[in-house]
Protein backbone atom coordinates (compact mmCIF):
# COMPACT_ATOMS: atom_id res chain seq x y z
CA MET A 1 -15.85 -2.43 13.49
CA ASN A 2 -18.08 -3.96 10.47
CA LYS A 3 -15.29 -4.22 7.99
CA ILE A 4 -11.92 -5.30 7.56
CA THR A 5 -9.35 -2.24 7.39
CA LEU A 6 -5.53 -1.66 6.49
CA PHE A 7 -3.61 0.82 8.09
CA ARG A 8 0.00 1.69 6.60
CA THR A 9 2.30 4.07 7.24
CA THR A 10 6.16 5.20 6.76
CA PRO A 11 8.17 2.51 8.76
CA ARG A 12 10.79 4.77 10.34
CA ILE A 13 10.27 8.39 11.26
CA VAL A 14 12.47 10.66 12.84
CA MET A 15 11.10 13.83 14.33
CA GLY A 16 12.85 16.78 16.48
CA PRO A 17 14.70 20.17 16.28
CA GLY A 18 18.05 19.42 14.48
CA ALA A 19 17.01 16.33 13.54
CA ILE A 20 18.25 17.08 10.00
CA GLY A 21 21.71 16.37 11.45
CA GLN A 22 21.21 12.85 11.49
CA ILE A 23 20.32 12.40 7.87
CA GLY A 24 24.08 11.35 6.82
CA GLN A 25 23.70 8.43 9.49
CA GLU A 26 20.33 7.53 8.45
CA ALA A 27 21.57 7.76 4.64
CA PHE A 28 24.12 5.13 5.87
CA ASN A 29 21.79 2.78 7.52
CA LEU A 30 19.95 2.54 4.49
CA SER A 31 23.12 1.56 2.48
CA GLY A 32 23.36 4.60 0.63
CA LYS A 33 26.31 4.76 -1.68
CA LYS A 34 25.19 8.11 -3.36
CA ALA A 35 22.31 10.05 -2.84
CA LEU A 36 20.25 12.38 -5.08
CA ILE A 37 18.95 15.38 -3.31
CA VAL A 38 15.48 16.33 -5.00
CA THR A 39 14.48 19.87 -4.36
CA ASP A 40 13.87 23.02 -5.87
CA LYS A 41 16.33 26.32 -6.75
CA GLY A 42 14.36 28.07 -3.72
CA LEU A 43 15.33 26.00 -1.08
CA ILE A 44 18.88 25.74 -2.21
CA GLY A 45 18.96 29.59 -2.15
CA ALA A 46 17.59 29.67 1.14
CA GLY A 47 20.23 27.55 2.13
CA LEU A 48 18.10 24.84 3.63
CA ILE A 49 20.18 21.96 1.74
CA GLN A 50 23.71 23.06 3.26
CA PRO A 51 22.54 20.99 6.91
CA VAL A 52 21.80 17.96 4.50
CA GLU A 53 25.05 18.15 2.60
CA LYS A 54 27.06 18.54 5.77
CA SER A 55 25.67 15.21 7.37
CA LEU A 56 26.02 13.38 4.48
CA LYS A 57 29.86 14.48 4.10
CA SER A 58 30.39 13.42 7.78
CA SER A 59 29.12 9.89 6.87
CA ARG A 60 31.21 9.81 3.39
CA ILE A 61 28.13 9.67 1.33
CA LYS A 62 28.34 10.87 -2.06
CA TYR A 63 25.84 12.95 -3.55
CA ALA A 64 24.34 14.70 -6.37
CA VAL A 65 21.54 17.43 -6.70
CA PHE A 66 18.47 18.01 -8.74
CA ASP A 67 16.75 21.26 -8.54
CA ALA A 68 14.46 21.46 -11.49
CA VAL A 69 11.24 20.95 -9.57
CA GLU A 70 8.61 23.49 -10.26
CA PRO A 71 5.23 24.45 -8.44
CA ASP A 72 2.91 21.79 -8.89
CA PRO A 73 5.37 19.81 -11.26
CA ARG A 74 4.36 18.56 -14.73
CA TYR A 75 4.78 14.74 -14.68
CA GLU A 76 7.49 15.33 -17.55
CA ILE A 77 9.95 16.25 -14.66
CA VAL A 78 10.21 12.72 -13.45
CA ALA A 79 12.04 11.96 -16.62
CA GLU A 80 14.42 14.76 -16.14
CA CYS A 81 15.23 13.60 -12.87
CA LEU A 82 15.32 9.96 -13.64
CA GLU A 83 17.63 10.77 -16.41
CA GLN A 84 20.11 12.36 -13.52
CA ILE A 85 19.72 8.96 -11.32
CA HIS A 86 20.68 6.92 -14.24
CA ARG A 87 23.73 9.33 -14.94
CA GLU A 88 24.87 9.58 -11.32
CA LYS A 89 24.32 6.14 -10.54
CA VAL A 90 22.66 6.74 -7.18
CA ASN A 91 21.48 4.27 -4.86
CA LEU A 92 19.12 6.61 -2.37
CA ILE A 93 16.75 9.31 -3.17
CA ILE A 94 16.71 12.35 -0.54
CA GLY A 95 13.64 14.65 -1.35
CA ILE A 96 13.57 18.01 0.57
CA GLY A 97 11.15 20.84 0.10
CA GLY A 98 6.94 21.24 0.03
CA GLY A 99 4.85 18.98 -2.11
CA SER A 100 6.25 19.42 -5.08
CA PRO A 101 10.15 18.22 -4.67
CA ILE A 102 8.81 15.40 -2.19
CA ASP A 103 6.27 13.93 -5.22
CA ILE A 104 8.85 14.25 -7.59
CA ALA A 105 11.26 12.51 -5.38
CA LYS A 106 9.04 9.70 -4.45
CA THR A 107 7.68 9.17 -8.24
CA SER A 108 11.40 9.68 -9.53
CA ALA A 109 12.74 6.75 -7.25
CA ILE A 110 9.73 4.12 -8.19
CA MET A 111 10.77 4.98 -12.04
CA ALA A 112 14.02 4.06 -11.22
CA ALA A 113 13.23 0.03 -11.09
CA ASN A 114 10.21 0.37 -13.14
CA LYS A 115 9.68 -0.02 -17.02
CA GLY A 116 7.48 2.75 -18.99
CA THR A 117 6.48 6.14 -18.51
CA ILE A 118 5.09 7.64 -15.27
CA ALA A 119 1.95 8.36 -17.14
CA GLU A 120 1.06 4.54 -17.17
CA TYR A 121 0.84 4.47 -13.42
CA PHE A 122 -1.43 6.89 -12.57
CA GLY A 123 -4.25 5.46 -10.70
CA ILE A 124 -4.29 2.78 -7.98
CA ASP A 125 -2.03 0.03 -7.48
CA LEU A 126 -0.40 0.45 -10.79
CA VAL A 127 3.42 0.37 -10.12
CA PRO A 128 4.58 -3.42 -10.16
CA LYS A 129 7.60 -3.45 -7.94
CA PRO A 130 9.59 -1.30 -5.24
CA GLY A 131 11.70 1.36 -6.49
CA LEU A 132 14.56 3.17 -4.78
CA PRO A 133 14.58 3.63 -0.99
CA THR A 134 13.39 7.21 -0.36
CA ILE A 135 14.27 9.84 2.54
CA ILE A 136 11.85 12.63 2.61
CA VAL A 137 12.28 15.55 4.58
CA PRO A 138 9.52 18.12 4.64
CA THR A 139 10.08 22.15 4.93
CA THR A 140 6.27 22.98 5.41
CA ALA A 141 4.11 21.79 7.73
CA GLY A 142 1.24 21.13 5.05
CA THR A 143 1.90 18.40 2.39
CA GLY A 144 2.08 14.99 4.95
CA SER A 145 3.47 13.17 1.88
CA GLU A 146 6.24 12.09 3.95
CA VAL A 147 3.83 9.19 5.17
CA THR A 148 1.82 8.73 2.42
CA PRO A 149 1.56 6.43 -0.63
CA ILE A 150 0.63 9.03 -2.88
CA ALA A 151 1.85 11.64 -5.14
CA ILE A 152 0.20 14.19 -7.06
CA LEU A 153 1.60 15.31 -10.49
CA SER A 154 0.13 18.08 -13.25
CA ASP A 155 -1.20 16.62 -16.64
CA GLU A 156 -0.89 19.99 -18.69
CA SER A 157 -2.84 18.36 -21.62
CA GLU A 158 -5.77 17.45 -19.46
CA LYS A 159 -5.41 20.46 -17.50
CA LEU A 160 -5.64 18.12 -14.16
CA LYS A 161 -3.73 16.97 -11.22
CA LYS A 162 -3.35 13.46 -11.30
CA GLY A 163 -2.72 10.79 -8.58
CA ILE A 164 -0.63 7.82 -8.12
CA VAL A 165 -1.26 5.68 -5.32
CA SER A 166 1.03 2.61 -4.62
CA PRO A 167 2.65 1.14 -1.17
CA TYR A 168 5.83 1.36 -3.16
CA LEU A 169 5.43 5.43 -2.40
CA PHE A 170 5.93 5.14 1.25
CA PRO A 171 9.65 6.58 1.96
CA ALA A 172 11.93 4.35 3.82
CA LEU A 173 12.25 7.35 6.12
CA ALA A 174 10.65 10.31 7.15
CA LEU A 175 12.73 13.06 8.91
CA LEU A 176 10.85 16.05 10.13
CA ASP A 177 12.97 19.29 11.72
CA PRO A 178 11.01 22.25 12.81
CA GLU A 179 13.95 24.30 12.67
CA LEU A 180 13.81 23.57 8.54
CA THR A 181 10.10 25.45 8.77
CA LEU A 182 11.32 28.44 10.65
CA GLY A 183 12.00 30.95 7.56
CA LEU A 184 8.80 30.02 5.93
CA PRO A 185 6.86 33.42 4.78
CA PRO A 186 3.33 34.10 6.62
CA GLN A 187 1.48 33.43 3.17
CA ILE A 188 3.16 30.08 2.79
CA THR A 189 2.96 29.14 6.65
CA ALA A 190 -0.97 29.76 5.85
CA ALA A 191 -1.55 28.07 2.64
CA THR A 192 0.58 24.80 3.81
CA GLY A 193 -0.74 24.73 7.18
CA MET A 194 -4.45 25.06 5.99
CA ASP A 195 -3.65 22.19 3.31
CA ALA A 196 -2.78 19.81 6.56
CA LEU A 197 -5.79 20.98 8.29
CA ILE A 198 -7.84 20.17 5.31
CA HIS A 199 -6.33 16.85 5.25
CA ALA A 200 -7.45 16.10 8.89
CA LEU A 201 -10.93 17.66 8.35
CA GLU A 202 -11.42 15.31 5.36
CA ALA A 203 -9.55 12.42 6.70
CA TYR A 204 -11.93 12.48 9.87
CA THR A 205 -15.34 12.94 7.41
CA SER A 206 -14.18 10.39 5.12
CA VAL A 207 -16.60 7.39 4.35
CA ASN A 208 -13.39 5.23 4.88
CA ALA A 209 -12.48 6.69 8.35
CA THR A 210 -11.51 3.89 11.42
CA GLN A 211 -10.78 4.35 14.92
CA ILE A 212 -7.42 4.58 14.29
CA THR A 213 -7.48 7.35 11.56
CA ASP A 214 -10.07 9.21 13.52
CA LEU A 215 -7.86 9.29 16.66
CA LEU A 216 -4.96 10.59 14.32
CA ALA A 217 -7.61 13.24 12.43
CA PHE A 218 -9.07 14.70 15.36
CA ARG A 219 -5.76 15.25 17.24
CA ALA A 220 -4.09 16.89 14.08
CA ILE A 221 -7.22 19.24 14.00
CA GLU A 222 -6.79 19.97 17.29
CA MET A 223 -2.97 20.86 17.04
CA LEU A 224 -3.06 22.64 13.66
CA TYR A 225 -6.10 24.84 14.56
CA GLU A 226 -4.76 25.78 17.82
CA ASN A 227 -1.36 26.67 16.43
CA ILE A 228 -1.51 27.83 13.03
CA ARG A 229 -2.42 31.62 13.78
CA THR A 230 0.94 31.81 16.17
CA ALA A 231 2.81 29.96 13.49
CA TYR A 232 1.55 32.41 10.68
CA ALA A 233 2.16 35.77 13.12
CA ASN A 234 5.21 34.95 14.61
CA GLY A 235 6.93 32.59 12.40
CA ASN A 236 10.06 32.06 14.72
CA ASP A 237 8.06 30.43 17.39
CA LEU A 238 9.53 26.92 17.20
CA GLY A 239 6.77 25.56 19.52
CA ALA A 240 4.20 26.49 17.30
CA ARG A 241 6.40 25.43 14.24
CA SER A 242 7.00 22.08 15.89
CA LYS A 243 3.25 21.32 16.73
CA MET A 244 2.27 22.50 13.21
CA LEU A 245 4.73 19.99 11.79
CA GLU A 246 3.57 17.47 14.03
CA GLY A 247 -0.21 17.81 13.07
CA SER A 248 0.69 17.90 9.37
CA LEU A 249 2.65 14.10 10.19
CA LEU A 250 -0.74 13.07 12.09
CA ALA A 251 -3.22 14.23 9.09
CA GLY A 252 -1.02 12.54 6.53
CA MET A 253 -0.95 9.45 8.20
CA ALA A 254 -4.81 9.48 8.49
CA PHE A 255 -5.45 10.67 5.14
CA ALA A 256 -2.89 8.20 3.70
CA ASN A 257 -5.41 5.21 4.91
CA ALA A 258 -8.99 6.93 5.19
CA GLY A 259 -8.29 9.39 1.89
CA VAL A 260 -9.32 12.86 1.25
CA THR A 261 -12.91 13.91 -0.10
CA ALA A 262 -14.16 16.45 -2.47
CA VAL A 263 -12.34 19.62 -1.10
CA HIS A 264 -9.45 17.98 -2.88
CA ALA A 265 -11.61 17.26 -5.90
CA PHE A 266 -12.79 20.71 -6.55
CA ALA A 267 -9.04 22.03 -5.80
CA TYR A 268 -7.23 20.00 -8.70
CA PRO A 269 -9.06 21.73 -11.68
CA ILE A 270 -8.70 25.17 -10.65
CA GLY A 271 -5.05 24.49 -9.62
CA ALA A 272 -4.22 22.61 -12.84
CA GLU A 273 -5.81 25.38 -15.16
CA PHE A 274 -5.86 28.48 -13.19
CA HIS A 275 -2.07 27.55 -11.41
CA ILE A 276 -3.50 28.33 -7.83
CA PRO A 277 -1.39 26.90 -5.07
CA HIS A 278 -2.87 24.01 -3.89
CA GLY A 279 -2.89 24.97 -0.19
CA ILE A 280 -4.90 28.02 -1.36
CA ALA A 281 -7.25 26.26 -3.57
CA ASN A 282 -7.88 23.90 -1.41
CA THR A 283 -8.71 26.74 1.07
CA LEU A 284 -10.78 28.56 -1.32
CA MET A 285 -13.30 25.35 -1.83
CA LEU A 286 -13.36 24.42 1.79
CA PRO A 287 -16.04 26.22 3.45
CA HIS A 288 -18.65 25.58 0.25
CA VAL A 289 -17.66 22.07 0.32
CA ILE A 290 -18.37 21.41 3.82
CA ARG A 291 -21.48 23.27 3.78
CA PHE A 292 -22.62 20.81 1.28
CA ASN A 293 -21.17 17.84 3.01
CA LEU A 294 -22.79 18.57 6.33
CA LEU A 295 -25.68 16.18 6.20
CA GLY A 296 -23.64 13.41 4.86
CA ASN A 297 -22.67 13.13 8.72
CA LEU A 298 -23.41 15.35 11.08
CA PRO A 299 -22.40 13.72 14.13
CA LYS A 300 -18.64 14.21 12.85
CA PHE A 301 -18.98 17.46 11.29
CA ALA A 302 -20.31 18.58 14.92
CA GLN A 303 -17.30 16.93 16.33
CA ILE A 304 -15.09 19.36 14.28
CA ALA A 305 -16.62 22.09 16.41
CA LYS A 306 -15.13 20.49 19.70
CA ALA A 307 -12.20 19.83 18.45
CA PHE A 308 -11.51 23.71 17.52
CA SER A 309 -12.51 24.43 21.26
CA LEU A 310 -16.01 25.73 20.57
CA SER A 311 -18.83 25.42 23.05
CA THR A 312 -21.72 23.49 21.51
CA GLU A 313 -23.22 22.76 24.85
CA GLY A 314 -26.85 22.88 24.31
CA LEU A 315 -27.03 23.15 20.56
CA ASP A 316 -28.46 20.38 18.17
CA GLU A 317 -25.78 18.62 15.54
CA LEU A 318 -26.60 20.69 12.85
CA ARG A 319 -25.89 24.08 14.60
CA ALA A 320 -22.72 22.77 15.86
CA ALA A 321 -21.78 21.32 12.77
CA GLU A 322 -22.33 25.02 11.06
CA MET A 323 -20.36 26.38 13.93
CA SER A 324 -17.50 24.62 12.44
CA VAL A 325 -17.88 26.21 8.86
CA GLU A 326 -18.25 29.59 10.54
CA ALA A 327 -14.96 28.73 12.50
CA ILE A 328 -13.07 27.92 9.54
CA GLU A 329 -14.35 31.12 7.59
CA ARG A 330 -12.95 33.29 10.60
CA LEU A 331 -9.75 31.44 10.39
CA THR A 332 -9.22 32.27 6.66
CA GLU A 333 -10.12 36.09 7.33
CA ASP A 334 -7.16 35.79 10.38
CA LEU A 335 -4.65 34.03 7.92
CA ARG A 336 -5.69 36.37 4.84
CA VAL A 337 -6.18 33.57 2.49
CA PRO A 338 -8.00 34.51 -0.74
CA ARG A 339 -11.71 34.07 -0.57
CA ASN A 340 -12.82 33.88 -4.22
CA LEU A 341 -12.30 32.30 -7.31
CA ALA A 342 -12.63 35.52 -9.11
CA GLU A 343 -9.27 36.77 -7.80
CA PHE A 344 -7.32 34.34 -9.85
CA GLY A 345 -9.26 34.88 -12.94
CA VAL A 346 -11.97 32.21 -13.00
CA THR A 347 -15.59 33.20 -14.27
CA GLU A 348 -18.90 31.50 -14.47
CA GLY A 349 -18.50 30.57 -18.14
CA ASP A 350 -15.50 28.20 -16.73
CA ILE A 351 -17.58 26.32 -14.29
CA PRO A 352 -19.25 23.78 -16.34
CA ARG A 353 -15.68 22.61 -17.58
CA LEU A 354 -14.28 22.77 -13.91
CA ALA A 355 -17.32 20.88 -12.63
CA GLU A 356 -16.73 18.42 -15.24
CA GLY A 357 -12.99 18.14 -14.13
CA VAL A 358 -14.58 17.20 -10.51
CA MET A 359 -16.33 14.63 -11.70
CA LYS A 360 -13.52 12.97 -13.21
CA VAL A 361 -11.48 12.56 -9.84
CA THR A 362 -13.74 9.65 -8.97
CA ARG A 363 -10.89 8.13 -6.92
CA LEU A 364 -11.37 11.03 -4.12
CA LEU A 365 -15.38 11.37 -4.54
CA ALA A 366 -15.70 7.70 -3.59
CA ASN A 367 -14.38 8.93 0.22
CA ASN A 368 -16.89 11.95 0.31
CA PRO A 369 -19.60 11.82 2.94
CA ARG A 370 -22.23 13.00 0.69
CA ILE A 371 -22.89 11.91 -2.83
CA MET A 372 -22.28 14.53 -5.65
CA THR A 373 -23.72 14.98 -9.09
CA LEU A 374 -22.41 17.21 -11.87
CA GLU A 375 -25.23 19.92 -10.94
CA ASP A 376 -23.94 19.83 -7.27
CA ALA A 377 -20.78 20.46 -8.59
CA LYS A 378 -21.26 23.31 -10.63
CA GLU A 379 -23.43 25.10 -7.79
CA ILE A 380 -20.76 24.76 -5.47
CA TYR A 381 -18.40 26.51 -7.70
CA LYS A 382 -20.76 29.36 -8.34
CA ARG A 383 -20.69 29.73 -4.40
CA ALA A 384 -17.12 30.23 -4.58
CA LEU A 385 -16.78 32.83 -7.21
């Protein structure tokens, strides 16, 4: 405790099976007159919006739907959503889905009260004032965005994913209902679950970690590692789904304050250019980045082995830390997550450009437990081919 720290999170969190039925009352409590539901066509097709609509109707709250969110959304989608916000004269935003609808909901809400374009606010603490209140409903146990002041959007012109960090991006309410995650296919369960685990691992090893974030991150690592295989193999196991959603929440609270590190920095360029899903991109890079980072904080990486319930008695810290990487590799095998960048068309000729993209993500590299150079980044990508 040799420095001043700050901990922030979403002010109200409602969680549990069937919690979605309370969204109308929660919207009423936020003085909602007319809400805009921000989602994607896949969720509408899956029927996940229906309980939201039913609850809003029961509370006599009018609503409209914006369903044009795409995977890894371009920041231009915010302008489309904002147009509907103004046209429908809504005063409350409900984001429901994975990370893409949630981030569009959060950024559109702040743009409803701030001038200019969303591109002007990429960076840290550049948003001048609060936006419309938001209710965020995750349908995957992965993003953690319901408790973070962060939103990530794609800039196709630069082939990069860019972040906005502002306390005004915290939702007014996070509503988590594990029943909404029961229909997730195994592949999405694996990708989003690994993303949540990586959030916890990176928060735990960030140079900005605190005792509070360590408590949250360590517990998240335990819960996610213990339950992800069950949720993947039996998607209707409500107990495993509930613990995955809670683990994702705890990981989100941890990394919202400690930050994520180089795994995400490596995932952004390959995700933006090769359209690799975010959770997969992170998982591809995870073991290679961790092996590089081990020497930066051996005690923490050794503790991760204990969070994985591995027996480390009699081992030195280096061997225990290496065991954590081996456990991660076995986990990705069990979840059948792609292991190599070459599967997505990445070649050795792409590596210099991608590595330069990594070095541009200074916001995340500043959190990394080991200093990284351009040559280091190139070597790590080569190992991931």
